[in-house]
């Protein structure tokens, strides 16, 4: 079980590192695109296969995210990736900021309100 926890920490660190890589100007364009896509998918609350579907729901988290991380890491030069991993480790050690979470929650609430407004207009 401790091996699984250590692996999960490394995956989390690499997702944060890829998020940093996607914003760095030294990252090659293809690597930047893949890193941004992987980080967005891993950090997004929306999954390709919803988690409530037995077995398949977690399969995308266990296969797609690590495969995307491997691809992105191969596209980023090793020296840069090492730097991004170090930056990610320092960033993860900082206290959690809730501004980003509040921003995403606001977008979801606004989208839900707009959808409800649209539905109400359709029923009139």
PDB file of N, CA and C in Angstrom:
ATOM      1  N   UNK A   1       0.820  -1.188   0.000  1.00  0.00           N
ATOM      2  CA  UNK A   1       0.000   0.000   0.000  1.00  0.00           C
ATOM      3  C   UNK A   1       0.868   1.258   0.000  1.00  0.00           C
ATOM      4  N   UNK A   2       1.999   1.195   0.678  1.00  0.00           N
ATOM      5  CA  UNK A   2       2.879   2.363   0.710  1.00  0.00           C
ATOM      6  C   UNK A   2       3.469   2.635  -0.673  1.00  0.00           C
ATOM      7  N   UNK A   3       3.680   1.583  -1.466  1.00  0.00           N
ATOM      8  CA  UNK A   3       4.164   1.778  -2.839  1.00  0.00           C
ATOM      9  C   UNK A   3       3.131   2.508  -3.679  1.00  0.00           C
ATOM     10  N   UNK A   4       1.871   2.189  -3.496  1.00  0.00           N
ATOM     11  CA  UNK A   4       0.801   2.864  -4.246  1.00  0.00           C
ATOM     12  C   UNK A   4       0.711   4.320  -3.847  1.00  0.00           C
ATOM     13  N   UNK A   5       0.868   4.618  -2.561  1.00  0.00           N
ATOM     14  CA  UNK A   5       0.835   6.009  -2.102  1.00  0.00           C
ATOM     15  C   UNK A   5       2.019   6.795  -2.656  1.00  0.00           C
ATOM     16  N   UNK A   6       3.178   6.177  -2.670  1.00  0.00           N
ATOM     17  CA  UNK A   6       4.366   6.846  -3.221  1.00  0.00           C
ATOM     18  C   UNK A   6       4.188   7.101  -4.716  1.00  0.00           C
ATOM     19  N   UNK A   7       3.641   6.123  -5.430  1.00  0.00           N
ATOM     20  CA  UNK A   7       3.388   6.293  -6.872  1.00  0.00           C
ATOM     21  C   UNK A   7       2.389   7.420  -7.104  1.00  0.00           C
ATOM     22  N   UNK A   8       1.337   7.481  -6.291  1.00  0.00           N
ATOM     23  CA  UNK A   8       0.328   8.531  -6.428  1.00  0.00           C
ATOM     24  C   UNK A   8       0.937   9.911  -6.179  1.00  0.00           C
ATOM     25  N   UNK A   9       1.842  10.016  -5.209  1.00  0.00           N
ATOM     26  CA  UNK A   9       2.523  11.292  -4.950  1.00  0.00           C
ATOM     27  C   UNK A   9       3.384  11.700  -6.139  1.00  0.00           C
ATOM     28  N   UNK A  10       4.060  10.734  -6.751  1.00  0.00           N
ATOM     29  CA  UNK A  10       4.888  11.040  -7.918  1.00  0.00           C
ATOM     30  C   UNK A  10       4.028  11.482  -9.102  1.00  0.00           C
ATOM     31  N   UNK A  11       2.881  10.834  -9.290  1.00  0.00           N
ATOM     32  CA  UNK A  11       1.978  11.216 -10.372  1.00  0.00           C
ATOM     33  C   UNK A  11       1.474  12.637 -10.136  1.00  0.00           C
ATOM     34  N   UNK A  12       1.098  12.932  -8.898  1.00  0.00           N
ATOM     35  CA  UNK A  12       0.610  14.274  -8.563  1.00  0.00           C
ATOM     36  C   UNK A  12       1.706  15.312  -8.802  1.00  0.00           C
ATOM     37  N   UNK A  13       2.923  15.001  -8.384  1.00  0.00           N
ATOM     38  CA  UNK A  13       4.036  15.925  -8.599  1.00  0.00           C
ATOM     39  C   UNK A  13       4.280  16.146 -10.082  1.00  0.00           C
ATOM     40  N   UNK A  14       4.204  15.076 -10.872  1.00  0.00           N
ATOM     41  CA  UNK A  14       4.427  15.211 -12.309  1.00  0.00           C
ATOM     42  C   UNK A  14       3.312  16.001 -12.986  1.00  0.00           C
ATOM     43  N   UNK A  15       2.082  15.874 -12.503  1.00  0.00           N
ATOM     44  CA  UNK A  15       0.990  16.670 -13.068  1.00  0.00           C
ATOM     45  C   UNK A  15       1.240  18.148 -12.795  1.00  0.00           C
ATOM     46  N   UNK A  16       1.670  18.471 -11.586  1.00  0.00           N
ATOM     47  CA  UNK A  16       1.992  19.866 -11.258  1.00  0.00           C
ATOM     48  C   UNK A  16       3.187  20.329 -12.093  1.00  0.00           C
ATOM     49  N   UNK A  17       4.180  19.463 -12.262  1.00  0.00           N
ATOM     50  CA  UNK A  17       5.351  19.799 -13.081  1.00  0.00           C
ATOM     51  C   UNK A  17       4.941  20.048 -14.534  1.00  0.00           C
ATOM     52  N   UNK A  18       4.009  19.263 -15.047  1.00  0.00           N
ATOM     53  CA  UNK A  18       3.543  19.463 -16.423  1.00  0.00           C
ATOM     54  C   UNK A  18       2.753  20.758 -16.552  1.00  0.00           C
ATOM     55  N   UNK A  19       2.042  21.114 -15.502  1.00  0.00           N
ATOM     56  CA  UNK A  19       1.339  22.392 -15.495  1.00  0.00           C
ATOM     57  C   UNK A  19       2.339  23.547 -15.577  1.00  0.00           C
ATOM     58  N   UNK A  20       3.432  23.418 -14.857  1.00  0.00           N
ATOM     59  CA  UNK A  20       4.494  24.429 -14.915  1.00  0.00           C
ATOM     60  C   UNK A  20       5.144  24.427 -16.294  1.00  0.00           C
ATOM     61  N   UNK A  21       5.397  23.247 -16.838  1.00  0.00           N
ATOM     62  CA  UNK A  21       6.029  23.124 -18.157  1.00  0.00           C
ATOM     63  C   UNK A  21       5.175  23.747 -19.256  1.00  0.00           C
ATOM     64  N   UNK A  22       3.867  23.600 -19.132  1.00  0.00           N
ATOM     65  CA  UNK A  22       2.964  24.133 -20.157  1.00  0.00           C
ATOM     66  C   UNK A  22       3.024  25.660 -20.214  1.00  0.00           C
ATOM     67  N   UNK A  23       3.404  26.289 -19.123  1.00  0.00           N
ATOM     68  CA  UNK A  23       3.474  27.757 -19.088  1.00  0.00           C
ATOM     69  C   UNK A  23       4.878  28.294 -19.310  1.00  0.00           C
ATOM     70  N   UNK A  24       5.863  27.425 -19.372  1.00  0.00           N
ATOM     71  CA  UNK A  24       7.248  27.876 -19.531  1.00  0.00           C
ATOM     72  C   UNK A  24       7.588  28.062 -20.999  1.00  0.00           C
ATOM     73  N   UNK A  25       8.230  29.168 -21.331  1.00  0.00           N
ATOM     74  CA  UNK A  25       8.541  29.471 -22.739  1.00  0.00           C
ATOM     75  C   UNK A  25       9.643  28.577 -23.308  1.00  0.00           C
ATOM     76  N   UNK A  26      10.416  27.928 -22.461  1.00  0.00           N
ATOM     77  CA  UNK A  26      11.496  27.058 -22.947  1.00  0.00           C
ATOM     78  C   UNK A  26      11.006  25.685 -23.366  1.00  0.00           C
ATOM     79  N   UNK A  27       9.786  25.353 -23.021  1.00  0.00           N
ATOM     80  CA  UNK A  27       9.224  24.057 -23.364  1.00  0.00           C
ATOM     81  C   UNK A  27       8.877  24.032 -24.849  1.00  0.00           C
ATOM     82  N   UNK A  28       9.281  22.995 -25.591  1.00  0.00           N
ATOM     83  CA  UNK A  28       8.915  22.889 -27.006  1.00  0.00           C
ATOM     84  C   UNK A  28       7.393  22.886 -27.185  1.00  0.00           C
ATOM     85  N   UNK A  29       6.925  23.396 -28.329  1.00  0.00           N
ATOM     86  CA  UNK A  29       5.493  23.575 -28.554  1.00  0.00           C
ATOM     87  C   UNK A  29       4.707  22.277 -28.405  1.00  0.00           C
ATOM     88  N   UNK A  30       5.157  21.195 -29.022  1.00  0.00           N
ATOM     89  CA  UNK A  30       4.430  19.917 -28.935  1.00  0.00           C
ATOM     90  C   UNK A  30       4.345  19.450 -27.485  1.00  0.00           C
ATOM     91  N   UNK A  31       5.445  19.568 -26.750  1.00  0.00           N
ATOM     92  CA  UNK A  31       5.462  19.166 -25.347  1.00  0.00           C
ATOM     93  C   UNK A  31       4.546  20.073 -24.527  1.00  0.00           C
ATOM     94  N   UNK A  32       4.536  21.351 -24.850  1.00  0.00           N
ATOM     95  CA  UNK A  32       3.672  22.304 -24.147  1.00  0.00           C
ATOM     96  C   UNK A  32       2.203  21.939 -24.340  1.00  0.00           C
ATOM     97  N   UNK A  33       1.841  21.591 -25.571  1.00  0.00           N
ATOM     98  CA  UNK A  33       0.461  21.211 -25.882  1.00  0.00           C
ATOM     99  C   UNK A  33       0.055  19.943 -25.126  1.00  0.00           C
ATOM    100  N   UNK A  34       0.896  18.915 -25.183  1.00  0.00           N
ATOM    101  CA  UNK A  34       0.596  17.652 -24.501  1.00  0.00           C
ATOM    102  C   UNK A  34       0.575  17.864 -22.984  1.00  0.00           C
ATOM    103  N   UNK A  35       1.535  18.621 -22.456  1.00  0.00           N
ATOM    104  CA  UNK A  35       1.592  18.870 -21.010  1.00  0.00           C
ATOM    105  C   UNK A  35       0.339  19.607 -20.541  1.00  0.00           C
ATOM    106  N   UNK A  36      -0.093  20.596 -21.292  1.00  0.00           N
ATOM    107  CA  UNK A  36      -1.299  21.340 -20.912  1.00  0.00           C
ATOM    108  C   UNK A  36      -2.527  20.437 -20.955  1.00  0.00           C
ATOM    109  N   UNK A  37      -2.628  19.605 -21.979  1.00  0.00           N
ATOM    110  CA  UNK A  37      -3.779  18.708 -22.096  1.00  0.00           C
ATOM    111  C   UNK A  37      -3.811  17.689 -20.951  1.00  0.00           C
ATOM    112  N   UNK A  38      -2.668  17.119 -20.627  1.00  0.00           N
ATOM    113  CA  UNK A  38      -2.599  16.121 -19.548  1.00  0.00           C
ATOM    114  C   UNK A  38      -2.904  16.774 -18.204  1.00  0.00           C
ATOM    115  N   UNK A  39      -2.300  17.934 -17.942  1.00  0.00           N
ATOM    116  CA  UNK A  39      -2.545  18.616 -16.670  1.00  0.00           C
ATOM    117  C   UNK A  39      -4.018  19.018 -16.552  1.00  0.00           C
ATOM    118  N   UNK A  40      -4.591  19.529 -17.625  1.00  0.00           N
ATOM    119  CA  UNK A  40      -6.002  19.934 -17.594  1.00  0.00           C
ATOM    120  C   UNK A  40      -6.901  18.725 -17.348  1.00  0.00           C
ATOM    121  N   UNK A  41      -6.625  17.618 -18.019  1.00  0.00           N
ATOM    122  CA  UNK A  41      -7.448  16.414 -17.835  1.00  0.00           C
ATOM    123  C   UNK A  41      -7.304  15.861 -16.418  1.00  0.00           C
ATOM    124  N   UNK A  42      -6.068  15.819 -15.923  1.00  0.00           N
ATOM    125  CA  UNK A  42      -5.829  15.256 -14.595  1.00  0.00           C
ATOM    126  C   UNK A  42      -6.438  16.119 -13.496  1.00  0.00           C
ATOM    127  N   UNK A  43      -6.432  17.431 -13.684  1.00  0.00           N
ATOM    128  CA  UNK A  43      -6.937  18.335 -12.655  1.00  0.00           C
ATOM    129  C   UNK A  43      -8.415  18.670 -12.819  1.00  0.00           C
ATOM    130  N   UNK A  44      -8.992  18.296 -13.945  1.00  0.00           N
ATOM    131  CA  UNK A  44     -10.386  18.611 -14.213  1.00  0.00           C
ATOM    132  C   UNK A  44     -11.320  17.672 -13.465  1.00  0.00           C
ATOM    133  N   UNK A  45     -12.454  18.193 -13.019  1.00  0.00           N
ATOM    134  CA  UNK A  45     -13.428  17.306 -12.367  1.00  0.00           C
ATOM    135  C   UNK A  45     -14.209  16.459 -13.379  1.00  0.00           C
ATOM    136  N   UNK A  46     -14.039  16.733 -14.669  1.00  0.00           N
ATOM    137  CA  UNK A  46     -14.750  15.991 -15.709  1.00  0.00           C
ATOM    138  C   UNK A  46     -13.840  14.888 -16.242  1.00  0.00           C
ATOM    139  N   UNK A  47     -14.338  13.660 -16.260  1.00  0.00           N
ATOM    140  CA  UNK A  47     -13.577  12.517 -16.772  1.00  0.00           C
ATOM    141  C   UNK A  47     -14.147  12.055 -18.100  1.00  0.00           C
ATOM    142  N   UNK A  48     -13.316  11.417 -18.886  1.00  0.00           N
ATOM    143  CA  UNK A  48     -13.753  10.816 -20.140  1.00  0.00           C
ATOM    144  C   UNK A  48     -14.784   9.732 -19.854  1.00  0.00           C
ATOM    145  N   UNK A  49     -14.499   8.921 -18.852  1.00  0.00           N
ATOM    146  CA  UNK A  49     -15.429   7.882 -18.399  1.00  0.00           C
ATOM    147  C   UNK A  49     -15.763   8.228 -16.944  1.00  0.00           C
ATOM    148  N   UNK A  50     -17.034   8.524 -16.629  1.00  0.00           N
ATOM    149  CA  UNK A  50     -17.392   8.919 -15.256  1.00  0.00           C
ATOM    150  C   UNK A  50     -16.995   7.856 -14.224  1.00  0.00           C
ATOM    151  N   UNK A  51     -16.578   8.320 -13.058  1.00  0.00           N
ATOM    152  CA  UNK A  51     -16.087   7.419 -12.011  1.00  0.00           C
ATOM    153  C   UNK A  51     -17.169   6.516 -11.421  1.00  0.00           C
ATOM    154  N   UNK A  52     -18.447   6.871 -11.574  1.00  0.00           N
ATOM    155  CA  UNK A  52     -19.501   6.033 -10.995  1.00  0.00           C
ATOM    156  C   UNK A  52     -19.722   4.746 -11.790  1.00  0.00           C
ATOM    157  N   UNK A  53     -19.137   4.628 -12.981  1.00  0.00           N
ATOM    158  CA  UNK A  53     -19.236   3.390 -13.750  1.00  0.00           C
ATOM    159  C   UNK A  53     -18.220   2.400 -13.163  1.00  0.00           C
ATOM    160  N   UNK A  54     -18.685   1.252 -12.671  1.00  0.00           N
ATOM    161  CA  UNK A  54     -17.778   0.309 -12.009  1.00  0.00           C
ATOM    162  C   UNK A  54     -16.589  -0.078 -12.900  1.00  0.00           C
ATOM    163  N   UNK A  55     -15.436  -0.137 -12.331  1.00  0.00           N
ATOM    164  CA  UNK A  55     -14.162  -0.523 -12.930  1.00  0.00           C
ATOM    165  C   UNK A  55     -13.731   0.445 -14.029  1.00  0.00           C
ATOM    166  N   UNK A  56     -14.549   0.632 -15.060  1.00  0.00           N
ATOM    167  CA  UNK A  56     -14.171   1.506 -16.172  1.00  0.00           C
ATOM    168  C   UNK A  56     -13.989   2.955 -15.739  1.00  0.00           C
ATOM    169  N   UNK A  57     -14.737   3.378 -14.714  1.00  0.00           N
ATOM    170  CA  UNK A  57     -14.660   4.756 -14.251  1.00  0.00           C
ATOM    171  C   UNK A  57     -13.273   5.142 -13.763  1.00  0.00           C
ATOM    172  N   UNK A  58     -12.600   4.217 -13.124  1.00  0.00           N
ATOM    173  CA  UNK A  58     -11.259   4.499 -12.623  1.00  0.00           C
ATOM    174  C   UNK A  58     -10.172   4.062 -13.600  1.00  0.00           C
ATOM    175  N   UNK A  59     -10.555   3.328 -14.617  1.00  0.00           N
ATOM    176  CA  UNK A  59      -9.585   2.846 -15.589  1.00  0.00           C
ATOM    177  C   UNK A  59      -8.926   3.998 -16.340  1.00  0.00           C
ATOM    178  N   UNK A  60      -9.712   5.034 -16.674  1.00  0.00           N
ATOM    179  CA  UNK A  60      -9.111   6.163 -17.382  1.00  0.00           C
ATOM    180  C   UNK A  60      -8.105   6.882 -16.501  1.00  0.00           C
ATOM    181  N   UNK A  61      -8.390   6.970 -15.186  1.00  0.00           N
ATOM    182  CA  UNK A  61      -7.444   7.617 -14.278  1.00  0.00           C
ATOM    183  C   UNK A  61      -6.173   6.791 -14.122  1.00  0.00           C
ATOM    184  N   UNK A  62      -6.305   5.489 -14.216  1.00  0.00           N
ATOM    185  CA  UNK A  62      -5.144   4.613 -14.045  1.00  0.00           C
ATOM    186  C   UNK A  62      -4.349   4.407 -15.331  1.00  0.00           C
ATOM    187  N   UNK A  63      -4.955   4.658 -16.484  1.00  0.00           N
ATOM    188  CA  UNK A  63      -4.270   4.433 -17.761  1.00  0.00           C
ATOM    189  C   UNK A  63      -4.002   5.717 -18.541  1.00  0.00           C
ATOM    190  N   UNK A  64      -5.026   6.537 -18.734  1.00  0.00           N
ATOM    191  CA  UNK A  64      -4.886   7.724 -19.582  1.00  0.00           C
ATOM    192  C   UNK A  64      -3.934   8.744 -18.975  1.00  0.00           C
ATOM    193  N   UNK A  65      -4.111   9.055 -17.694  1.00  0.00           N
ATOM    194  CA  UNK A  65      -3.260  10.072 -17.063  1.00  0.00           C
ATOM    195  C   UNK A  65      -1.792   9.643 -17.034  1.00  0.00           C
ATOM    196  N   UNK A  66      -1.464   8.437 -16.540  1.00  0.00           N
ATOM    197  CA  UNK A  66      -0.047   8.046 -16.566  1.00  0.00           C
ATOM    198  C   UNK A  66       0.535   7.966 -17.983  1.00  0.00           C
ATOM    199  N   UNK A  67      -0.251   7.489 -18.951  1.00  0.00           N
ATOM    200  CA  UNK A  67       0.249   7.427 -20.332  1.00  0.00           C
ATOM    201  C   UNK A  67       0.506   8.829 -20.870  1.00  0.00           C
ATOM    202  N   UNK A  68      -0.377   9.755 -20.563  1.00  0.00           N
ATOM    203  CA  UNK A  68      -0.178  11.143 -20.988  1.00  0.00           C
ATOM    204  C   UNK A  68       1.031  11.768 -20.331  1.00  0.00           C
ATOM    205  N   UNK A  69       1.225  11.455 -19.055  1.00  0.00           N
ATOM    206  CA  UNK A  69       2.401  11.970 -18.345  1.00  0.00           C
ATOM    207  C   UNK A  69       3.673  11.429 -18.980  1.00  0.00           C
ATOM    208  N   UNK A  70       3.699  10.129 -19.270  1.00  0.00           N
ATOM    209  CA  UNK A  70       4.885   9.528 -19.905  1.00  0.00           C
ATOM    210  C   UNK A  70       5.187  10.186 -21.248  1.00  0.00           C
ATOM    211  N   UNK A  71       4.155  10.404 -22.049  1.00  0.00           N
ATOM    212  CA  UNK A  71       4.351  11.042 -23.352  1.00  0.00           C
ATOM    213  C   UNK A  71       4.886  12.460 -23.190  1.00  0.00           C
ATOM    214  N   UNK A  72       4.285  13.230 -22.309  1.00  0.00           N
ATOM    215  CA  UNK A  72       4.718  14.617 -22.106  1.00  0.00           C
ATOM    216  C   UNK A  72       6.147  14.681 -21.573  1.00  0.00           C
ATOM    217  N   UNK A  73       6.469  13.800 -20.631  1.00  0.00           N
ATOM    218  CA  UNK A  73       7.827  13.790 -20.058  1.00  0.00           C
ATOM    219  C   UNK A  73       8.859  13.446 -21.131  1.00  0.00           C
ATOM    220  N   UNK A  74       8.511  12.555 -22.043  1.00  0.00           N
ATOM    221  CA  UNK A  74       9.449  12.200 -23.127  1.00  0.00           C
ATOM    222  C   UNK A  74       9.663  13.363 -24.096  1.00  0.00           C
ATOM    223  N   UNK A  75       8.667  14.226 -24.234  1.00  0.00           N
ATOM    224  CA  UNK A  75       8.770  15.353 -25.154  1.00  0.00           C
ATOM    225  C   UNK A  75       9.526  16.547 -24.563  1.00  0.00           C
ATOM    226  N   UNK A  76       9.612  16.583 -23.238  1.00  0.00           N
ATOM    227  CA  UNK A  76      10.304  17.686 -22.566  1.00  0.00           C
ATOM    228  C   UNK A  76      11.757  17.290 -22.329  1.00  0.00           C
ATOM    229  N   UNK A  77      12.707  18.181 -22.655  1.00  0.00           N
ATOM    230  CA  UNK A  77      14.120  17.862 -22.407  1.00  0.00           C
ATOM    231  C   UNK A  77      14.353  17.511 -20.928  1.00  0.00           C
ATOM    232  N   UNK A  78      15.197  16.493 -20.669  1.00  0.00           N
ATOM    233  CA  UNK A  78      15.385  15.994 -19.296  1.00  0.00           C
ATOM    234  C   UNK A  78      15.796  17.069 -18.282  1.00  0.00           C
ATOM    235  N   UNK A  79      16.681  17.972 -18.677  1.00  0.00           N
ATOM    236  CA  UNK A  79      17.105  19.032 -17.752  1.00  0.00           C
ATOM    237  C   UNK A  79      15.956  19.929 -17.344  1.00  0.00           C
ATOM    238  N   UNK A  80      15.131  20.277 -18.305  1.00  0.00           N
ATOM    239  CA  UNK A  80      13.957  21.106 -18.012  1.00  0.00           C
ATOM    240  C   UNK A  80      12.970  20.355 -17.128  1.00  0.00           C
ATOM    241  N   UNK A  81      12.726  19.093 -17.434  1.00  0.00           N
ATOM    242  CA  UNK A  81      11.760  18.314 -16.650  1.00  0.00           C
ATOM    243  C   UNK A  81      12.221  18.189 -15.213  1.00  0.00           C
ATOM    244  N   UNK A  82      13.513  18.020 -15.005  1.00  0.00           N
ATOM    245  CA  UNK A  82      14.054  17.951 -13.653  1.00  0.00           C
ATOM    246  C   UNK A  82      13.802  19.264 -12.910  1.00  0.00           C
ATOM    247  N   UNK A  83      14.016  20.368 -13.601  1.00  0.00           N
ATOM    248  CA  UNK A  83      13.760  21.685 -13.010  1.00  0.00           C
ATOM    249  C   UNK A  83      12.275  21.851 -12.669  1.00  0.00           C
ATOM    250  N   UNK A  84      11.400  21.425 -13.585  1.00  0.00           N
ATOM    251  CA  UNK A  84       9.960  21.537 -13.346  1.00  0.00           C
ATOM    252  C   UNK A  84       9.523  20.656 -12.176  1.00  0.00           C
ATOM    253  N   UNK A  85      10.117  19.477 -12.049  1.00  0.00           N
ATOM    254  CA  UNK A  85       9.784  18.590 -10.927  1.00  0.00           C
ATOM    255  C   UNK A  85      10.218  19.211  -9.593  1.00  0.00           C
ATOM    256  N   UNK A  86      11.399  19.831  -9.580  1.00  0.00           N
ATOM    257  CA  UNK A  86      11.857  20.502  -8.363  1.00  0.00           C
ATOM    258  C   UNK A  86      10.918  21.648  -8.006  1.00  0.00           C
ATOM    259  N   UNK A  87      10.524  22.440  -9.015  1.00  0.00           N
ATOM    260  CA  UNK A  87       9.588  23.542  -8.780  1.00  0.00           C
ATOM    261  C   UNK A  87       8.248  23.019  -8.270  1.00  0.00           C
ATOM    262  N   UNK A  88       7.790  21.897  -8.837  1.00  0.00           N
ATOM    263  CA  UNK A  88       6.521  21.305  -8.413  1.00  0.00           C
ATOM    264  C   UNK A  88       6.608  20.837  -6.967  1.00  0.00           C
ATOM    265  N   UNK A  89       7.720  20.250  -6.581  1.00  0.00           N
ATOM    266  CA  UNK A  89       7.898  19.809  -5.191  1.00  0.00           C
ATOM    267  C   UNK A  89       7.837  20.982  -4.227  1.00  0.00           C
ATOM    268  N   UNK A  90       8.481  22.096  -4.597  1.00  0.00           N
ATOM    269  CA  UNK A  90       8.423  23.289  -3.747  1.00  0.00           C
ATOM    270  C   UNK A  90       7.006  23.862  -3.710  1.00  0.00           C
ATOM    271  N   UNK A  91       6.340  23.861  -4.850  1.00  0.00           N
ATOM    272  CA  UNK A  91       4.988  24.414  -4.925  1.00  0.00           C
ATOM    273  C   UNK A  91       4.007  23.568  -4.106  1.00  0.00           C
ATOM    274  N   UNK A  92       4.182  22.265  -4.122  1.00  0.00           N
ATOM    275  CA  UNK A  92       3.280  21.383  -3.378  1.00  0.00           C
ATOM    276  C   UNK A  92       3.497  21.498  -1.872  1.00  0.00           C
ATOM    277  N   UNK A  93       4.668  21.952  -1.462  1.00  0.00           N
ATOM    278  CA  UNK A  93       4.958  22.101  -0.034  1.00  0.00           C
ATOM    279  C   UNK A  93       4.320  23.365   0.537  1.00  0.00           C
ATOM    280  N   UNK A  94       3.909  24.296  -0.326  1.00  0.00           N
ATOM    281  CA  UNK A  94       3.281  25.543   0.122  1.00  0.00           C
ATOM    282  C   UNK A  94       1.849  25.268   0.565  1.00  0.00           C
ATOM    283  N   UNK A  95       1.314  26.161   1.397  1.00  0.00           N
ATOM    284  CA  UNK A  95      -0.088  25.997   1.809  1.00  0.00           C
ATOM    285  C   UNK A  95      -1.035  26.084   0.601  1.00  0.00           C
ATOM    286  N   UNK A  96      -2.159  25.408   0.706  1.00  0.00           N
ATOM    287  CA  UNK A  96      -3.135  25.357  -0.385  1.00  0.00           C
ATOM    288  C   UNK A  96      -3.850  26.697  -0.503  1.00  0.00           C
ATOM    289  N   UNK A  97      -3.984  27.182  -1.738  1.00  0.00           N
ATOM    290  CA  UNK A  97      -4.758  28.389  -2.001  1.00  0.00           C
ATOM    291  C   UNK A  97      -6.068  27.979  -2.648  1.00  0.00           C
ATOM    292  N   UNK A  98      -7.129  28.578  -2.196  1.00  0.00           N
ATOM    293  CA  UNK A  98      -8.450  28.200  -2.660  1.00  0.00           C
ATOM    294  C   UNK A  98      -8.995  29.114  -3.754  1.00  0.00           C
ATOM    295  N   UNK A  99      -8.189  30.054  -4.241  1.00  0.00           N
ATOM    296  CA  UNK A  99      -8.648  30.988  -5.269  1.00  0.00           C
ATOM    297  C   UNK A  99      -8.987  30.244  -6.562  1.00  0.00           C
ATOM    298  N   UNK A 100      -8.129  29.358  -7.001  1.00  0.00           N
ATOM    299  CA  UNK A 100      -8.375  28.607  -8.228  1.00  0.00           C
ATOM    300  C   UNK A 100      -9.610  27.733  -8.105  1.00  0.00           C
ATOM    301  N   UNK A 101      -9.760  27.085  -6.947  1.00  0.00           N
ATOM    302  CA  UNK A 101     -10.924  26.240  -6.734  1.00  0.00           C
ATOM    303  C   UNK A 101     -12.203  27.085  -6.754  1.00  0.00           C
ATOM    304  N   UNK A 102     -12.149  28.273  -6.148  1.00  0.00           N
ATOM    305  CA  UNK A 102     -13.312  29.161  -6.141  1.00  0.00           C
ATOM    306  C   UNK A 102     -13.641  29.621  -7.561  1.00  0.00           C
ATOM    307  N   UNK A 103     -12.618  29.872  -8.361  1.00  0.00           N
ATOM    308  CA  UNK A 103     -12.827  30.292  -9.745  1.00  0.00           C
ATOM    309  C   UNK A 103     -13.533  29.199 -10.545  1.00  0.00           C
ATOM    310  N   UNK A 104     -13.051  27.977 -10.434  1.00  0.00           N
ATOM    311  CA  UNK A 104     -13.667  26.856 -11.157  1.00  0.00           C
ATOM    312  C   UNK A 104     -15.093  26.626 -10.654  1.00  0.00           C
ATOM    313  N   UNK A 105     -15.311  26.695  -9.349  1.00  0.00           N
ATOM    314  CA  UNK A 105     -16.648  26.516  -8.793  1.00  0.00           C
ATOM    315  C   UNK A 105     -17.593  27.603  -9.299  1.00  0.00           C
ATOM    316  N   UNK A 106     -17.102  28.829  -9.402  1.00  0.00           N
ATOM    317  CA  UNK A 106     -17.918  29.931  -9.917  1.00  0.00           C
ATOM    318  C   UNK A 106     -18.323  29.672 -11.362  1.00  0.00           C
ATOM    319  N   UNK A 107     -17.399  29.185 -12.163  1.00  0.00           N
ATOM    320  CA  UNK A 107     -17.716  28.870 -13.565  1.00  0.00           C
ATOM    321  C   UNK A 107     -18.783  27.778 -13.637  1.00  0.00           C
ATOM    322  N   UNK A 108     -18.642  26.724 -12.817  1.00  0.00           N
ATOM    323  CA  UNK A 108     -19.632  25.642 -12.817  1.00  0.00           C
ATOM    324  C   UNK A 108     -20.999  26.146 -12.357  1.00  0.00           C
ATOM    325  N   UNK A 109     -21.028  26.976 -11.338  1.00  0.00           N
ATOM    326  CA  UNK A 109     -22.302  27.514 -10.849  1.00  0.00           C
ATOM    327  C   UNK A 109     -22.943  28.410 -11.900  1.00  0.00           C
ATOM    328  N   UNK A 110     -22.142  29.237 -12.559  1.00  0.00           N
ATOM    329  CA  UNK A 110     -22.670  30.104 -13.614  1.00  0.00           C
ATOM    330  C   UNK A 110     -23.212  29.274 -14.772  1.00  0.00           C
ATOM    331  N   UNK A 111     -22.505  28.212 -15.141  1.00  0.00           N
ATOM    332  CA  UNK A 111     -22.979  27.349 -16.225  1.00  0.00           C
ATOM    333  C   UNK A 111     -24.279  26.656 -15.834  1.00  0.00           C
ATOM    334  N   UNK A 112     -24.367  26.184 -14.607  1.00  0.00           N
ATOM    335  CA  UNK A 112     -25.595  25.535 -14.138  1.00  0.00           C
ATOM    336  C   UNK A 112     -26.750  26.532 -14.110  1.00  0.00           C
ATOM    337  N   UNK A 113     -26.492  27.764 -13.666  1.00  0.00           N
ATOM    338  CA  UNK A 113     -27.542  28.789 -13.628  1.00  0.00           C
ATOM    339  C   UNK A 113     -28.002  29.136 -15.042  1.00  0.00           C
ATOM    340  N   UNK A 114     -27.055  29.263 -15.976  1.00  0.00           N
ATOM    341  CA  UNK A 114     -27.416  29.564 -17.362  1.00  0.00           C
ATOM    342  C   UNK A 114     -28.241  28.424 -17.960  1.00  0.00           C
ATOM    343  N   UNK A 115     -27.886  27.205 -17.663  1.00  0.00           N
ATOM    344  CA  UNK A 115     -28.642  26.059 -18.156  1.00  0.00           C
ATOM    345  C   UNK A 115     -30.042  26.035 -17.559  1.00  0.00           C
ATOM    346  N   UNK A 116     -30.154  26.317 -16.263  1.00  0.00           N
ATOM    347  CA  UNK A 116     -31.463  26.357 -15.608  1.00  0.00           C
ATOM    348  C   UNK A 116     -32.322  27.476 -16.197  1.00  0.00           C
ATOM    349  N   UNK A 117     -31.721  28.616 -16.455  1.00  0.00           N
ATOM    350  CA  UNK A 117     -32.444  29.742 -17.067  1.00  0.00           C
ATOM    351  C   UNK A 117     -32.932  29.351 -18.457  1.00  0.00           C
ATOM    352  N   UNK A 118     -32.071  28.679 -19.221  1.00  0.00           N
ATOM    353  CA  UNK A 118     -32.449  28.240 -20.568  1.00  0.00           C
ATOM    354  C   UNK A 118     -33.598  27.231 -20.504  1.00  0.00           C
ATOM    355  N   UNK A 119     -33.510  26.284 -19.578  1.00  0.00           N
ATOM    356  CA  UNK A 119     -34.582  25.302 -19.403  1.00  0.00           C
ATOM    357  C   UNK A 119     -35.901  25.982 -19.040  1.00  0.00           C
ATOM    358  N   UNK A 120     -35.832  26.936 -18.127  1.00  0.00           N
ATOM    359  CA  UNK A 120     -37.049  27.659 -17.720  1.00  0.00           C
ATOM    360  C   UNK A 120     -37.657  28.402 -18.895  1.00  0.00           C
ATOM    361  N   UNK A 121     -36.812  28.968 -19.736  1.00  0.00           N
ATOM    362  CA  UNK A 121     -37.312  29.688 -20.914  1.00  0.00           C
ATOM    363  C   UNK A 121     -37.951  28.732 -21.919  1.00  0.00           C
ATOM    364  N   UNK A 122     -37.472  27.506 -21.983  1.00  0.00           N
ATOM    365  CA  UNK A 122     -38.031  26.515 -22.915  1.00  0.00           C
ATOM    366  C   UNK A 122     -39.405  26.025 -22.454  1.00  0.00           C
ATOM    367  N   UNK A 123     -39.686  26.072 -21.167  1.00  0.00           N
ATOM    368  CA  UNK A 123     -40.933  25.552 -20.622  1.00  0.00           C
ATOM    369  C   UNK A 123     -42.050  26.586 -20.633  1.00  0.00           C
ATOM    370  N   UNK A 124     -41.692  27.817 -20.908  1.00  0.00           N
ATOM    371  CA  UNK A 124     -42.729  28.875 -20.935  1.00  0.00           C
ATOM    372  C   UNK A 124     -43.532  28.865 -22.182  1.00  0.00           C
TER     373      UNK A 124
END
